Amino acid sequence: MFKIMTAAALSLALLPTLSMANNAATLKTGEKLYKSACVACHSTGAAGAPKLGNKKAWAPLIARGMDEMMSVALNGKGAMPARGGTKADDETLRAAVEYMVSRAQ
């Protein structure tokens, strides 16, 4: 019984570490897509794109939630083409959005 409780406690203790590792990997994937595609507009604010790191510009988007931001990323908006003009899969695209959001918080 003690072994089971110890193993369960250890597993629970490691969850935040695993979550942080997964989050770091996600942000790294997102950064890679950002630097290869999103940077063109999100570094300069071209066509009204919120600039990376601009907390004021990102705040209303973040307030609408990830589902709304993903809808824009997937379908495009204004001058932004669907998927940011890339062939990135949904997971990688979400990672790029999460990366940009992380830089604005």
PDB file of N, CA and C in Angstrom:
ATOM      1  N   MET A   1       0.822  -1.191   0.000  1.00  0.00           N
ATOM      2  CA  MET A   1       0.000   0.000   0.000  1.00  0.00           C
ATOM      3  C   MET A   1       0.869   1.258   0.000  1.00  0.00           C
ATOM      4  N   PHE A   2       1.923   1.235   0.808  1.00  0.00           N
ATOM      5  CA  PHE A   2       2.812   2.385   0.898  1.00  0.00           C
ATOM      6  C   PHE A   2       3.479   2.673  -0.453  1.00  0.00           C
ATOM      7  N   LYS A   3       3.872   1.597  -1.160  1.00  0.00           N
ATOM      8  CA  LYS A   3       4.517   1.761  -2.472  1.00  0.00           C
ATOM      9  C   LYS A   3       3.575   2.425  -3.466  1.00  0.00           C
ATOM     10  N   ILE A   4       2.306   2.038  -3.421  1.00  0.00           N
ATOM     11  CA  ILE A   4       1.319   2.618  -4.332  1.00  0.00           C
ATOM     12  C   ILE A   4       1.120   4.100  -4.020  1.00  0.00           C
ATOM     13  N   MET A   5       1.001   4.417  -2.732  1.00  0.00           N
ATOM     14  CA  MET A   5       0.807   5.817  -2.338  1.00  0.00           C
ATOM     15  C   MET A   5       2.029   6.649  -2.685  1.00  0.00           C
ATOM     16  N   THR A   6       3.223   6.098  -2.495  1.00  0.00           N
ATOM     17  CA  THR A   6       4.452   6.806  -2.827  1.00  0.00           C
ATOM     18  C   THR A   6       4.546   7.046  -4.333  1.00  0.00           C
ATOM     19  N   ALA A   7       4.222   6.030  -5.114  1.00  0.00           N
ATOM     20  CA  ALA A   7       4.258   6.171  -6.573  1.00  0.00           C
ATOM     21  C   ALA A   7       3.243   7.205  -7.042  1.00  0.00           C
ATOM     22  N   ALA A   8       2.059   7.202  -6.449  1.00  0.00           N
ATOM     23  CA  ALA A   8       1.030   8.175  -6.815  1.00  0.00           C
ATOM     24  C   ALA A   8       1.473   9.578  -6.449  1.00  0.00           C
ATOM     25  N   ALA A   9       2.041   9.741  -5.278  1.00  0.00           N
ATOM     26  CA  ALA A   9       2.507  11.068  -4.846  1.00  0.00           C
ATOM     27  C   ALA A   9       3.632  11.558  -5.752  1.00  0.00           C
ATOM     28  N   LEU A  10       4.537  10.681  -6.117  1.00  0.00           N
ATOM     29  CA  LEU A  10       5.631  11.045  -7.002  1.00  0.00           C
ATOM     30  C   LEU A  10       5.105  11.449  -8.377  1.00  0.00           C
ATOM     31  N   SER A  11       4.141  10.711  -8.877  1.00  0.00           N
ATOM     32  CA  SER A  11       3.548  11.031 -10.176  1.00  0.00           C
ATOM     33  C   SER A  11       2.914  12.413 -10.146  1.00  0.00           C
ATOM     34  N   LEU A  12       2.191  12.698  -9.087  1.00  0.00           N
ATOM     35  CA  LEU A  12       1.550  14.014  -8.963  1.00  0.00           C
ATOM     36  C   LEU A  12       2.587  15.120  -8.836  1.00  0.00           C
ATOM     37  N   ALA A  13       3.666  14.841  -8.155  1.00  0.00           N
ATOM     38  CA  ALA A  13       4.725  15.835  -7.993  1.00  0.00           C
ATOM     39  C   ALA A  13       5.406  16.146  -9.316  1.00  0.00           C
ATOM     40  N   LEU A  14       5.484  15.173 -10.207  1.00  0.00           N
ATOM     41  CA  LEU A  14       6.144  15.367 -11.500  1.00  0.00           C
ATOM     42  C   LEU A  14       5.254  16.027 -12.545  1.00  0.00           C
ATOM     43  N   LEU A  15       3.946  16.053 -12.342  1.00  0.00           N
ATOM     44  CA  LEU A  15       3.040  16.626 -13.344  1.00  0.00           C
ATOM     45  C   LEU A  15       3.398  18.056 -13.730  1.00  0.00           C
ATOM     46  N   PRO A  16       3.659  18.962 -12.792  1.00  0.00           N
ATOM     47  CA  PRO A  16       4.024  20.321 -13.213  1.00  0.00           C
ATOM     48  C   PRO A  16       5.287  20.344 -14.063  1.00  0.00           C
ATOM     49  N   THR A  17       6.253  19.504 -13.742  1.00  0.00           N
ATOM     50  CA  THR A  17       7.487  19.443 -14.517  1.00  0.00           C
ATOM     51  C   THR A  17       7.212  18.967 -15.932  1.00  0.00           C
ATOM     52  N   LEU A  18       6.408  17.924 -16.075  1.00  0.00           N
ATOM     53  CA  LEU A  18       6.059  17.426 -17.408  1.00  0.00           C
ATOM     54  C   LEU A  18       5.295  18.484 -18.176  1.00  0.00           C
ATOM     55  N   SER A  19       4.386  19.173 -17.521  1.00  0.00           N
ATOM     56  CA  SER A  19       3.606  20.224 -18.165  1.00  0.00           C
ATOM     57  C   SER A  19       4.515  21.351 -18.642  1.00  0.00           C
ATOM     58  N   MET A  20       5.481  21.732 -17.815  1.00  0.00           N
ATOM     59  CA  MET A  20       6.406  22.798 -18.198  1.00  0.00           C
ATOM     60  C   MET A  20       7.266  22.352 -19.371  1.00  0.00           C
ATOM     61  N   ALA A  21       7.678  21.083 -19.375  1.00  0.00           N
ATOM     62  CA  ALA A  21       8.488  20.576 -20.483  1.00  0.00           C
ATOM     63  C   ALA A  21       7.689  20.576 -21.768  1.00  0.00           C
ATOM     64  N   ASN A  22       6.438  20.132 -21.696  1.00  0.00           N
ATOM     65  CA  ASN A  22       5.578  20.140 -22.878  1.00  0.00           C
ATOM     66  C   ASN A  22       5.348  21.570 -23.350  1.00  0.00           C
ATOM     67  N   ASN A  23       5.132  22.491 -22.409  1.00  0.00           N
ATOM     68  CA  ASN A  23       4.910  23.885 -22.766  1.00  0.00           C
ATOM     69  C   ASN A  23       6.153  24.474 -23.426  1.00  0.00           C
ATOM     70  N   ALA A  24       7.329  24.151 -22.907  1.00  0.00           N
ATOM     71  CA  ALA A  24       8.569  24.645 -23.503  1.00  0.00           C
ATOM     72  C   ALA A  24       8.735  24.117 -24.919  1.00  0.00           C
ATOM     73  N   ALA A  25       8.418  22.858 -25.122  1.00  0.00           N
ATOM     74  CA  ALA A  25       8.519  22.269 -26.464  1.00  0.00           C
ATOM     75  C   ALA A  25       7.520  22.921 -27.411  1.00  0.00           C
ATOM     76  N   THR A  26       6.313  23.164 -26.912  1.00  0.00           N
ATOM     77  CA  THR A  26       5.290  23.821 -27.730  1.00  0.00           C
ATOM     78  C   THR A  26       5.742  25.216 -28.125  1.00  0.00           C
ATOM     79  N   LEU A  27       6.262  25.970 -27.158  1.00  0.00           N
ATOM     80  CA  LEU A  27       6.714  27.331 -27.455  1.00  0.00           C
ATOM     81  C   LEU A  27       7.880  27.327 -28.433  1.00  0.00           C
ATOM     82  N   LYS A  28       8.743  26.347 -28.335  1.00  0.00           N
ATOM     83  CA  LYS A  28       9.873  26.245 -29.272  1.00  0.00           C
ATOM     84  C   LYS A  28       9.367  25.969 -30.687  1.00  0.00           C
ATOM     85  N   THR A  29       8.391  25.073 -30.801  1.00  0.00           N
ATOM     86  CA  THR A  29       7.774  24.780 -32.099  1.00  0.00           C
ATOM     87  C   THR A  29       7.097  26.039 -32.641  1.00  0.00           C
ATOM     88  N   GLY A  30       6.373  26.730 -31.774  1.00  0.00           N
ATOM     89  CA  GLY A  30       5.689  27.957 -32.180  1.00  0.00           C
ATOM     90  C   GLY A  30       6.656  29.039 -32.609  1.00  0.00           C
ATOM     91  N   GLU A  31       7.752  29.167 -31.887  1.00  0.00           N
ATOM     92  CA  GLU A  31       8.763  30.163 -32.236  1.00  0.00           C
ATOM     93  C   GLU A  31       9.340  29.885 -33.621  1.00  0.00           C
ATOM     94  N   LYS A  32       9.547  28.612 -33.916  1.00  0.00           N
ATOM     95  CA  LYS A  32      10.102  28.232 -35.222  1.00  0.00           C
ATOM     96  C   LYS A  32       9.161  28.660 -36.356  1.00  0.00           C
ATOM     97  N   LEU A  33       7.857  28.388 -36.210  1.00  0.00           N
ATOM     98  CA  LEU A  33       6.910  28.807 -37.247  1.00  0.00           C
ATOM     99  C   LEU A  33       6.813  30.325 -37.294  1.00  0.00           C
ATOM    100  N   TYR A  34       6.792  30.959 -36.124  1.00  0.00           N
ATOM    101  CA  TYR A  34       6.744  32.429 -36.090  1.00  0.00           C
ATOM    102  C   TYR A  34       7.907  33.009 -36.903  1.00  0.00           C
ATOM    103  N   LYS A  35       9.111  32.511 -36.651  1.00  0.00           N
ATOM    104  CA  LYS A  35      10.306  33.055 -37.319  1.00  0.00           C
ATOM    105  C   LYS A  35      10.349  32.755 -38.813  1.00  0.00           C
ATOM    106  N   SER A  36       9.634  31.716 -39.250  1.00  0.00           N
ATOM    107  CA  SER A  36       9.666  31.380 -40.669  1.00  0.00           C
ATOM    108  C   SER A  36       8.515  31.994 -41.461  1.00  0.00           C
ATOM    109  N   ALA A  37       7.441  32.398 -40.793  1.00  0.00           N
ATOM    110  CA  ALA A  37       6.291  32.907 -41.546  1.00  0.00           C
ATOM    111  C   ALA A  37       5.634  34.124 -40.898  1.00  0.00           C
ATOM    112  N   CYS A  38       5.280  34.008 -39.651  1.00  0.00           N
ATOM    113  CA  CYS A  38       4.489  35.042 -38.973  1.00  0.00           C
ATOM    114  C   CYS A  38       5.260  36.349 -38.805  1.00  0.00           C
ATOM    115  N   VAL A  39       6.580  36.228 -38.711  1.00  0.00           N
ATOM    116  CA  VAL A  39       7.447  37.375 -38.465  1.00  0.00           C
ATOM    117  C   VAL A  39       7.245  38.480 -39.506  1.00  0.00           C
ATOM    118  N   ALA A  40       6.919  38.103 -40.728  1.00  0.00           N
ATOM    119  CA  ALA A  40       6.786  39.081 -41.805  1.00  0.00           C
ATOM    120  C   ALA A  40       5.825  40.205 -41.454  1.00  0.00           C
ATOM    121  N   CYS A  41       4.733  39.893 -40.811  1.00  0.00           N
ATOM    122  CA  CYS A  41       3.751  40.919 -40.444  1.00  0.00           C
ATOM    123  C   CYS A  41       3.736  41.222 -38.949  1.00  0.00           C
ATOM    124  N   HIS A  42       3.934  40.194 -38.131  1.00  0.00           N
ATOM    125  CA  HIS A  42       3.811  40.396 -36.689  1.00  0.00           C
ATOM    126  C   HIS A  42       5.047  41.043 -36.059  1.00  0.00           C
ATOM    127  N   SER A  43       6.104  41.244 -36.819  1.00  0.00           N
ATOM    128  CA  SER A  43       7.262  41.978 -36.291  1.00  0.00           C
ATOM    129  C   SER A  43       7.161  43.460 -36.604  1.00  0.00           C
ATOM    130  N   THR A  44       6.415  43.780 -37.652  1.00  0.00           N
ATOM    131  CA  THR A  44       6.323  45.175 -38.097  1.00  0.00           C
ATOM    132  C   THR A  44       4.946  45.790 -37.878  1.00  0.00           C
ATOM    133  N   GLY A  45       3.946  44.953 -37.685  1.00  0.00           N
ATOM    134  CA  GLY A  45       2.575  45.463 -37.565  1.00  0.00           C
ATOM    135  C   GLY A  45       1.936  45.683 -38.926  1.00  0.00           C
ATOM    136  N   ALA A  46       2.508  45.096 -39.965  1.00  0.00           N
ATOM    137  CA  ALA A  46       1.974  45.255 -41.318  1.00  0.00           C
ATOM    138  C   ALA A  46       0.503  44.862 -41.370  1.00  0.00           C
ATOM    139  N   ALA A  47      -0.258  45.643 -42.095  1.00  0.00           N
ATOM    140  CA  ALA A  47      -1.686  45.390 -42.315  1.00  0.00           C
ATOM    141  C   ALA A  47      -2.470  45.253 -41.005  1.00  0.00           C
ATOM    142  N   GLY A  48      -1.980  45.904 -39.952  1.00  0.00           N
ATOM    143  CA  GLY A  48      -2.693  45.883 -38.680  1.00  0.00           C
ATOM    144  C   GLY A  48      -2.434  44.663 -37.813  1.00  0.00           C
ATOM    145  N   ALA A  49      -1.472  43.835 -38.190  1.00  0.00           N
ATOM    146  CA  ALA A  49      -1.147  42.658 -37.380  1.00  0.00           C
ATOM    147  C   ALA A  49      -0.606  43.113 -36.028  1.00  0.00           C
ATOM    148  N   PRO A  50      -1.077  42.510 -34.934  1.00  0.00           N
ATOM    149  CA  PRO A  50      -0.525  42.889 -33.631  1.00  0.00           C
ATOM    150  C   PRO A  50       0.944  42.476 -33.545  1.00  0.00           C
ATOM    151  N   LYS A  51       1.795  43.422 -33.173  1.00  0.00           N
ATOM    152  CA  LYS A  51       3.229  43.155 -33.119  1.00  0.00           C
ATOM    153  C   LYS A  51       3.582  42.247 -31.952  1.00  0.00           C
ATOM    154  N   LEU A  52       4.533  41.375 -32.198  1.00  0.00           N
ATOM    155  CA  LEU A  52       5.017  40.474 -31.163  1.00  0.00           C
ATOM    156  C   LEU A  52       5.473  41.286 -29.952  1.00  0.00           C
ATOM    157  N   GLY A  53       4.973  40.920 -28.778  1.00  0.00           N
ATOM    158  CA  GLY A  53       5.371  41.581 -27.548  1.00  0.00           C
ATOM    159  C   GLY A  53       4.575  42.815 -27.178  1.00  0.00           C
ATOM    160  N   ASN A  54       3.680  43.259 -28.061  1.00  0.00           N
ATOM    161  CA  ASN A  54       2.875  44.445 -27.773  1.00  0.00           C
ATOM    162  C   ASN A  54       1.664  44.052 -26.924  1.00  0.00           C
ATOM    163  N   LYS A  55       1.799  44.212 -25.624  1.00  0.00           N
ATOM    164  CA  LYS A  55       0.760  43.777 -24.688  1.00  0.00           C
ATOM    165  C   LYS A  55      -0.576  44.468 -24.945  1.00  0.00           C
ATOM    166  N   LYS A  56      -0.528  45.740 -25.255  1.00  0.00           N
ATOM    167  CA  LYS A  56      -1.757  46.507 -25.485  1.00  0.00           C
ATOM    168  C   LYS A  56      -2.509  45.994 -26.717  1.00  0.00           C
ATOM    169  N   ALA A  57      -1.790  45.697 -27.776  1.00  0.00           N
ATOM    170  CA  ALA A  57      -2.419  45.212 -29.009  1.00  0.00           C
ATOM    171  C   ALA A  57      -2.968  43.797 -28.845  1.00  0.00           C
ATOM    172  N   TRP A  58      -2.278  42.967 -28.078  1.00  0.00           N
ATOM    173  CA  TRP A  58      -2.685  41.578 -27.906  1.00  0.00           C
ATOM    174  C   TRP A  58      -3.773  41.400 -26.851  1.00  0.00           C
ATOM    175  N   ALA A  59      -3.872  42.317 -25.899  1.00  0.00           N
ATOM    176  CA  ALA A  59      -4.812  42.152 -24.777  1.00  0.00           C
ATOM    177  C   ALA A  59      -6.245  41.836 -25.211  1.00  0.00           C
ATOM    178  N   PRO A  60      -6.846  42.594 -26.148  1.00  0.00           N
ATOM    179  CA  PRO A  60      -8.223  42.268 -26.524  1.00  0.00           C
ATOM    180  C   PRO A  60      -8.348  40.925 -27.237  1.00  0.00           C
ATOM    181  N   LEU A  61      -7.316  40.525 -27.948  1.00  0.00           N
ATOM    182  CA  LEU A  61      -7.334  39.222 -28.622  1.00  0.00           C
ATOM    183  C   LEU A  61      -7.243  38.093 -27.602  1.00  0.00           C
ATOM    184  N   ILE A  62      -6.351  38.254 -26.648  1.00  0.00           N
ATOM    185  CA  ILE A  62      -6.200  37.262 -25.588  1.00  0.00           C
ATOM    186  C   ILE A  62      -7.489  37.154 -24.785  1.00  0.00           C
ATOM    187  N   ALA A  63      -8.136  38.291 -24.554  1.00  0.00           N
ATOM    188  CA  ALA A  63      -9.392  38.297 -23.788  1.00  0.00           C
ATOM    189  C   ALA A  63     -10.492  37.512 -24.495  1.00  0.00           C
ATOM    190  N   ARG A  64     -10.458  37.468 -25.820  1.00  0.00           N
ATOM    191  CA  ARG A  64     -11.464  36.712 -26.581  1.00  0.00           C
ATOM    192  C   ARG A  64     -11.235  35.213 -26.485  1.00  0.00           C
ATOM    193  N   GLY A  65     -10.014  34.805 -26.141  1.00  0.00           N
ATOM    194  CA  GLY A  65      -9.721  33.393 -25.927  1.00  0.00           C
ATOM    195  C   GLY A  65      -9.010  32.723 -27.085  1.00  0.00           C
ATOM    196  N   MET A  66      -8.451  31.585 -26.773  1.00  0.00           N
ATOM    197  CA  MET A  66      -7.669  30.825 -27.748  1.00  0.00           C
ATOM    198  C   MET A  66      -8.521  30.337 -28.916  1.00  0.00           C
ATOM    199  N   ASP A  67      -9.775  29.961 -28.652  1.00  0.00           N
ATOM    200  CA  ASP A  67     -10.627  29.484 -29.751  1.00  0.00           C
ATOM    201  C   ASP A  67     -10.795  30.561 -30.822  1.00  0.00           C
ATOM    202  N   GLU A  68     -11.013  31.796 -30.401  1.00  0.00           N
ATOM    203  CA  GLU A  68     -11.178  32.900 -31.358  1.00  0.00           C
ATOM    204  C   GLU A  68      -9.868  33.186 -32.086  1.00  0.00           C
ATOM    205  N   MET A  69      -8.766  33.177 -31.355  1.00  0.00           N
ATOM    206  CA  MET A  69      -7.474  33.424 -32.007  1.00  0.00           C
ATOM    207  C   MET A  69      -7.151  32.317 -32.999  1.00  0.00           C
ATOM    208  N   MET A  70      -7.481  31.076 -32.660  1.00  0.00           N
ATOM    209  CA  MET A  70      -7.243  29.967 -33.587  1.00  0.00           C
ATOM    210  C   MET A  70      -8.142  30.070 -34.811  1.00  0.00           C
ATOM    211  N   SER A  71      -9.348  30.555 -34.638  1.00  0.00           N
ATOM    212  CA  SER A  71     -10.241  30.738 -35.777  1.00  0.00           C
ATOM    213  C   SER A  71      -9.630  31.719 -36.777  1.00  0.00           C
ATOM    214  N   VAL A  72      -9.068  32.794 -36.253  1.00  0.00           N
ATOM    215  CA  VAL A  72      -8.408  33.777 -37.119  1.00  0.00           C
ATOM    216  C   VAL A  72      -7.187  33.153 -37.787  1.00  0.00           C
ATOM    217  N   ALA A  73      -6.385  32.431 -37.001  1.00  0.00           N
ATOM    218  CA  ALA A  73      -5.183  31.807 -37.564  1.00  0.00           C
ATOM    219  C   ALA A  73      -5.535  30.788 -38.643  1.00  0.00           C
ATOM    220  N   LEU A  74      -6.574  30.009 -38.411  1.00  0.00           N
ATOM    221  CA  LEU A  74      -6.970  28.974 -39.365  1.00  0.00           C
ATOM    222  C   LEU A  74      -7.623  29.539 -40.621  1.00  0.00           C
ATOM    223  N   ASN A  75      -8.473  30.542 -40.442  1.00  0.00           N
ATOM    224  CA  ASN A  75      -9.285  31.049 -41.550  1.00  0.00           C
ATOM    225  C   ASN A  75      -8.807  32.359 -42.144  1.00  0.00           C
ATOM    226  N   GLY A  76      -7.903  33.038 -41.452  1.00  0.00           N
ATOM    227  CA  GLY A  76      -7.418  34.325 -41.917  1.00  0.00           C
ATOM    228  C   GLY A  76      -8.346  35.452 -41.510  1.00  0.00           C
ATOM    229  N   LYS A  77      -7.846  36.675 -41.664  1.00  0.00           N
ATOM    230  CA  LYS A  77      -8.644  37.859 -41.342  1.00  0.00           C
ATOM    231  C   LYS A  77      -7.958  39.056 -41.979  1.00  0.00           C
ATOM    232  N   GLY A  78      -8.737  39.877 -42.660  1.00  0.00           N
ATOM    233  CA  GLY A  78      -8.147  41.033 -43.322  1.00  0.00           C
ATOM    234  C   GLY A  78      -7.103  40.580 -44.330  1.00  0.00           C
ATOM    235  N   ALA A  79      -5.900  41.145 -44.218  1.00  0.00           N
ATOM    236  CA  ALA A  79      -4.821  40.795 -45.148  1.00  0.00           C
ATOM    237  C   ALA A  79      -4.145  39.473 -44.796  1.00  0.00           C
ATOM    238  N   MET A  80      -4.447  38.923 -43.616  1.00  0.00           N
ATOM    239  CA  MET A  80      -3.816  37.664 -43.216  1.00  0.00           C
ATOM    240  C   MET A  80      -4.516  36.494 -43.889  1.00  0.00           C
ATOM    241  N   PRO A  81      -3.763  35.714 -44.672  1.00  0.00           N
ATOM    242  CA  PRO A  81      -4.377  34.552 -45.317  1.00  0.00           C
ATOM    243  C   PRO A  81      -4.618  33.427 -44.317  1.00  0.00           C
ATOM    244  N   ALA A  82      -5.452  32.500 -44.704  1.00  0.00           N
ATOM    245  CA  ALA A  82      -5.687  31.314 -43.879  1.00  0.00           C
ATOM    246  C   ALA A  82      -4.352  30.658 -43.549  1.00  0.00           C
ATOM    247  N   ARG A  83      -4.215  30.208 -42.323  1.00  0.00           N
ATOM    248  CA  ARG A  83      -3.017  29.546 -41.816  1.00  0.00           C
ATOM    249  C   ARG A  83      -1.782  30.416 -41.967  1.00  0.00           C
ATOM    250  N   GLY A  84      -1.979  31.718 -42.026  1.00  0.00           N
ATOM    251  CA  GLY A  84      -0.844  32.619 -42.164  1.00  0.00           C
ATOM    252  C   GLY A  84      -0.069  32.402 -43.443  1.00  0.00           C
ATOM    253  N   GLY A  85      -0.730  31.800 -44.426  1.00  0.00           N
ATOM    254  CA  GLY A  85      -0.081  31.530 -45.703  1.00  0.00           C
ATOM    255  C   GLY A  85       0.855  30.328 -45.658  1.00  0.00           C
ATOM    256  N   THR A  86       0.753  29.526 -44.597  1.00  0.00           N
ATOM    257  CA  THR A  86       1.621  28.353 -44.470  1.00  0.00           C
ATOM    258  C   THR A  86       0.817  27.071 -44.681  1.00  0.00           C
ATOM    259  N   LYS A  87       1.519  25.966 -44.687  1.00  0.00           N
ATOM    260  CA  LYS A  87       0.875  24.656 -44.747  1.00  0.00           C
ATOM    261  C   LYS A  87       0.976  23.965 -43.389  1.00  0.00           C
ATOM    262  N   ALA A  88       1.179  24.764 -42.336  1.00  0.00           N
ATOM    263  CA  ALA A  88       1.337  24.216 -40.987  1.00  0.00           C
ATOM    264  C   ALA A  88       0.078  23.479 -40.557  1.00  0.00           C
ATOM    265  N   ASP A  89       0.276  22.370 -39.837  1.00  0.00           N
ATOM    266  CA  ASP A  89      -0.870  21.649 -39.298  1.00  0.00           C
ATOM    267  C   ASP A  89      -1.457  22.437 -38.120  1.00  0.00           C
ATOM    268  N   ASP A  90      -2.626  22.020 -37.678  1.00  0.00           N
ATOM    269  CA  ASP A  90      -3.333  22.744 -36.618  1.00  0.00           C
ATOM    270  C   ASP A  90      -2.490  22.866 -35.349  1.00  0.00           C
ATOM    271  N   GLU A  91      -1.820  21.809 -34.965  1.00  0.00           N
ATOM    272  CA  GLU A  91      -1.026  21.802 -33.732  1.00  0.00           C
ATOM    273  C   GLU A  91       0.133  22.794 -33.807  1.00  0.00           C
ATOM    274  N   THR A  92       0.811  22.835 -34.938  1.00  0.00           N
ATOM    275  CA  THR A  92       1.932  23.751 -35.113  1.00  0.00           C
ATOM    276  C   THR A  92       1.439  25.190 -35.179  1.00  0.00           C
ATOM    277  N   LEU A  93       0.317  25.395 -35.849  1.00  0.00           N
ATOM    278  CA  LEU A  93      -0.264  26.730 -35.921  1.00  0.00           C
ATOM    279  C   LEU A  93      -0.660  27.214 -34.528  1.00  0.00           C
ATOM    280  N   ARG A  94      -1.262  26.335 -33.750  1.00  0.00           N
ATOM    281  CA  ARG A  94      -1.629  26.684 -32.375  1.00  0.00           C
ATOM    282  C   ARG A  94      -0.379  27.015 -31.552  1.00  0.00           C
ATOM    283  N   ALA A  95       0.682  26.275 -31.777  1.00  0.00           N
ATOM    284  CA  ALA A  95       1.934  26.541 -31.066  1.00  0.00           C
ATOM    285  C   ALA A  95       2.447  27.941 -31.393  1.00  0.00           C
ATOM    286  N   ALA A  96       2.314  28.365 -32.643  1.00  0.00           N
ATOM    287  CA  ALA A  96       2.744  29.711 -33.027  1.00  0.00           C
ATOM    288  C   ALA A  96       1.887  30.773 -32.340  1.00  0.00           C
ATOM    289  N   VAL A  97       0.589  30.541 -32.278  1.00  0.00           N
ATOM    290  CA  VAL A  97      -0.300  31.483 -31.582  1.00  0.00           C
ATOM    291  C   VAL A  97       0.069  31.532 -30.103  1.00  0.00           C
ATOM    292  N   GLU A  98       0.291  30.363 -29.497  1.00  0.00           N
ATOM    293  CA  GLU A  98       0.667  30.321 -28.086  1.00  0.00           C
ATOM    294  C   GLU A  98       1.996  31.025 -27.854  1.00  0.00           C
ATOM    295  N   TYR A  99       2.925  30.884 -28.778  1.00  0.00           N
ATOM    296  CA  TYR A  99       4.212  31.584 -28.668  1.00  0.00           C
ATOM    297  C   TYR A  99       3.998  33.094 -28.682  1.00  0.00           C
ATOM    298  N   MET A 100       3.217  33.580 -29.637  1.00  0.00           N
ATOM    299  CA  MET A 100       2.988  35.024 -29.715  1.00  0.00           C
ATOM    300  C   MET A 100       2.267  35.537 -28.481  1.00  0.00           C
ATOM    301  N   VAL A 101       1.288  34.778 -28.008  1.00  0.00           N
ATOM    302  CA  VAL A 101       0.571  35.167 -26.777  1.00  0.00           C
ATOM    303  C   VAL A 101       1.535  35.210 -25.601  1.00  0.00           C
ATOM    304  N   SER A 102       2.414  34.229 -25.507  1.00  0.00           N
ATOM    305  CA  SER A 102       3.356  34.184 -24.376  1.00  0.00           C
ATOM    306  C   SER A 102       4.269  35.403 -24.341  1.00  0.00           C
ATOM    307  N   ARG A 103       4.544  35.957 -25.497  1.00  0.00           N
ATOM    308  CA  ARG A 103       5.404  37.140 -25.581  1.00  0.00           C
ATOM    309  C   ARG A 103       4.662  38.432 -25.236  1.00  0.00           C
ATOM    310  N   ALA A 104       3.346  38.348 -25.156  1.00  0.00           N
ATOM    311  CA  ALA A 104       2.528  39.539 -24.885  1.00  0.00           C
ATOM    312  C   ALA A 104       1.959  39.539 -23.462  1.00  0.00           C
ATOM    313  N   GLN A 105       2.384  38.614 -22.646  1.00  0.00           N
ATOM    314  CA  GLN A 105       1.850  38.546 -21.289  1.00  0.00           C
ATOM    315  C   GLN A 105       2.876  38.962 -20.269  1.00  0.00           C
TER     316      GLN A 105
END
